[in-house]
């Protein structure tokens, strides 16, 4: 996760309450059902991500 001035080619752009989030294609798939919040103490908190296989 990083701060960006704008979307790169192929990125999805989500906007809510004046905040824009740019997601790469693969991240968009993983985060499509997720909820993202921000806490001054903990930073970005992402919950509800789609589970993917972690072992080959």
N, C-alpha and C. Protein backbone atom coordinates (compact mmCIF):
# COMPACT_ATOMS: atom_id res chain seq x y z
N UNK A 1 0.85 -1.16 0.00
CA UNK A 1 0.00 0.00 0.00
C UNK A 1 0.90 1.23 0.00
N UNK A 2 0.53 2.21 -0.81
CA UNK A 2 1.34 3.42 -0.93
C UNK A 2 0.42 4.59 -1.25
N UNK A 3 0.91 5.77 -1.11
CA UNK A 3 0.16 6.97 -1.48
C UNK A 3 0.51 7.31 -2.92
N UNK A 4 -0.51 7.57 -3.74
CA UNK A 4 -0.30 7.86 -5.16
C UNK A 4 -1.08 9.11 -5.55
N UNK A 5 -0.59 9.81 -6.55
CA UNK A 5 -1.27 11.00 -7.07
C UNK A 5 -2.45 10.64 -7.97
N UNK A 6 -2.38 9.45 -8.58
CA UNK A 6 -3.43 9.04 -9.49
C UNK A 6 -3.31 7.59 -9.85
N UNK A 7 -4.32 7.10 -10.56
CA UNK A 7 -4.35 5.70 -10.98
C UNK A 7 -3.33 5.45 -12.08
N UNK A 8 -2.81 4.24 -12.10
CA UNK A 8 -1.94 3.80 -13.18
C UNK A 8 -2.82 3.07 -14.19
N UNK A 9 -2.31 2.84 -15.37
CA UNK A 9 -3.06 2.15 -16.41
C UNK A 9 -3.52 0.78 -15.88
N UNK A 10 -4.81 0.51 -16.01
CA UNK A 10 -5.38 -0.76 -15.57
C UNK A 10 -5.89 -0.77 -14.15
N UNK A 11 -5.62 0.28 -13.37
CA UNK A 11 -6.09 0.35 -11.99
C UNK A 11 -7.58 0.64 -11.92
N UNK A 12 -8.23 0.11 -10.90
CA UNK A 12 -9.62 0.48 -10.59
C UNK A 12 -9.56 1.66 -9.63
N UNK A 13 -10.49 2.59 -9.76
CA UNK A 13 -10.56 3.75 -8.88
C UNK A 13 -11.86 3.69 -8.10
N UNK A 14 -11.74 3.69 -6.77
CA UNK A 14 -12.91 3.72 -5.89
C UNK A 14 -12.89 5.05 -5.16
N UNK A 15 -14.05 5.66 -4.99
CA UNK A 15 -14.11 6.95 -4.29
C UNK A 15 -15.30 6.96 -3.34
N UNK A 16 -15.04 7.40 -2.13
CA UNK A 16 -16.11 7.55 -1.15
C UNK A 16 -15.73 8.69 -0.20
N UNK A 17 -16.68 9.58 0.03
CA UNK A 17 -16.48 10.72 0.94
C UNK A 17 -15.24 11.53 0.59
N UNK A 18 -14.97 11.66 -0.70
CA UNK A 18 -13.85 12.49 -1.15
C UNK A 18 -12.50 11.81 -1.12
N UNK A 19 -12.44 10.54 -0.72
CA UNK A 19 -11.19 9.79 -0.67
C UNK A 19 -11.16 8.82 -1.83
N UNK A 20 -10.08 8.85 -2.61
CA UNK A 20 -9.92 7.94 -3.74
C UNK A 20 -8.90 6.86 -3.38
N UNK A 21 -9.24 5.62 -3.77
CA UNK A 21 -8.34 4.49 -3.61
C UNK A 21 -8.13 3.88 -4.98
N UNK A 22 -6.87 3.68 -5.35
CA UNK A 22 -6.51 3.09 -6.64
C UNK A 22 -6.04 1.67 -6.38
N UNK A 23 -6.66 0.71 -7.05
CA UNK A 23 -6.33 -0.69 -6.85
C UNK A 23 -5.86 -1.33 -8.15
N UNK A 24 -4.73 -2.06 -8.05
CA UNK A 24 -4.30 -2.86 -9.18
C UNK A 24 -5.33 -3.95 -9.43
N UNK A 25 -5.34 -4.50 -10.63
CA UNK A 25 -6.34 -5.48 -11.03
C UNK A 25 -6.41 -6.66 -10.04
N UNK A 26 -5.28 -7.23 -9.66
CA UNK A 26 -5.28 -8.38 -8.74
C UNK A 26 -5.75 -7.98 -7.35
N UNK A 27 -5.34 -6.81 -6.88
CA UNK A 27 -5.79 -6.34 -5.56
C UNK A 27 -7.29 -6.09 -5.56
N UNK A 28 -7.81 -5.59 -6.66
CA UNK A 28 -9.24 -5.33 -6.78
C UNK A 28 -10.03 -6.63 -6.62
N UNK A 29 -9.54 -7.72 -7.20
CA UNK A 29 -10.19 -9.02 -7.06
C UNK A 29 -10.21 -9.46 -5.59
N UNK A 30 -9.07 -9.33 -4.91
CA UNK A 30 -8.96 -9.77 -3.52
C UNK A 30 -9.77 -8.91 -2.56
N UNK A 31 -9.91 -7.64 -2.88
CA UNK A 31 -10.55 -6.69 -1.95
C UNK A 31 -11.98 -6.34 -2.34
N UNK A 32 -12.55 -7.02 -3.33
CA UNK A 32 -13.87 -6.63 -3.84
C UNK A 32 -14.97 -6.67 -2.78
N UNK A 33 -14.86 -7.54 -1.79
CA UNK A 33 -15.87 -7.64 -0.73
C UNK A 33 -15.34 -7.13 0.61
N UNK A 34 -14.16 -6.53 0.61
CA UNK A 34 -13.52 -6.10 1.86
C UNK A 34 -14.02 -4.73 2.31
N UNK A 35 -13.81 -4.48 3.59
CA UNK A 35 -14.09 -3.17 4.19
C UNK A 35 -12.76 -2.58 4.63
N UNK A 36 -12.51 -1.32 4.28
CA UNK A 36 -11.27 -0.65 4.67
C UNK A 36 -11.60 0.53 5.58
N UNK A 37 -10.93 0.57 6.70
CA UNK A 37 -11.06 1.67 7.65
C UNK A 37 -9.68 2.21 7.97
N UNK A 38 -9.64 3.38 8.60
CA UNK A 38 -8.38 3.95 9.02
C UNK A 38 -8.46 4.33 10.48
N UNK A 39 -7.44 3.97 11.23
CA UNK A 39 -7.34 4.30 12.64
C UNK A 39 -6.04 5.07 12.87
N UNK A 40 -6.10 6.15 13.62
CA UNK A 40 -4.88 6.90 13.92
C UNK A 40 -3.86 6.02 14.64
N UNK A 41 -4.34 5.08 15.43
CA UNK A 41 -3.44 4.19 16.19
C UNK A 41 -2.87 3.06 15.35
N UNK A 42 -3.69 2.49 14.44
CA UNK A 42 -3.31 1.28 13.73
C UNK A 42 -3.11 1.45 12.23
N UNK A 43 -3.44 2.61 11.67
CA UNK A 43 -3.33 2.80 10.23
C UNK A 43 -4.51 2.19 9.51
N UNK A 44 -4.29 1.68 8.30
CA UNK A 44 -5.38 1.07 7.53
C UNK A 44 -5.71 -0.30 8.09
N UNK A 45 -7.00 -0.56 8.21
CA UNK A 45 -7.49 -1.85 8.70
C UNK A 45 -8.41 -2.41 7.63
N UNK A 46 -8.05 -3.58 7.10
CA UNK A 46 -8.83 -4.21 6.03
C UNK A 46 -9.42 -5.49 6.59
N UNK A 47 -10.74 -5.62 6.48
CA UNK A 47 -11.40 -6.83 6.96
C UNK A 47 -12.31 -7.38 5.86
N UNK A 48 -12.58 -8.67 5.93
CA UNK A 48 -13.49 -9.30 4.97
C UNK A 48 -12.85 -9.63 3.63
N UNK A 49 -11.52 -9.74 3.58
CA UNK A 49 -10.86 -10.07 2.31
C UNK A 49 -11.20 -11.48 1.88
N UNK A 50 -11.25 -11.69 0.56
CA UNK A 50 -11.47 -13.02 0.03
C UNK A 50 -10.23 -13.87 0.30
N UNK A 51 -10.44 -15.07 0.79
CA UNK A 51 -9.34 -15.99 1.08
C UNK A 51 -8.79 -16.58 -0.20
N UNK A 52 -7.48 -16.67 -0.28
CA UNK A 52 -6.85 -17.33 -1.43
C UNK A 52 -5.98 -18.45 -0.90
N UNK A 53 -5.62 -19.34 -1.74
CA UNK A 53 -4.75 -20.44 -1.34
C UNK A 53 -3.39 -19.90 -0.96
N UNK A 54 -2.86 -20.37 0.14
CA UNK A 54 -1.55 -19.88 0.59
C UNK A 54 -0.47 -20.93 0.43
N UNK A 55 -0.87 -22.14 0.09
CA UNK A 55 0.11 -23.22 -0.03
C UNK A 55 -0.01 -23.86 -1.42
N UNK A 56 1.15 -24.18 -2.01
CA UNK A 56 1.17 -24.74 -3.35
C UNK A 56 0.76 -26.14 -3.33
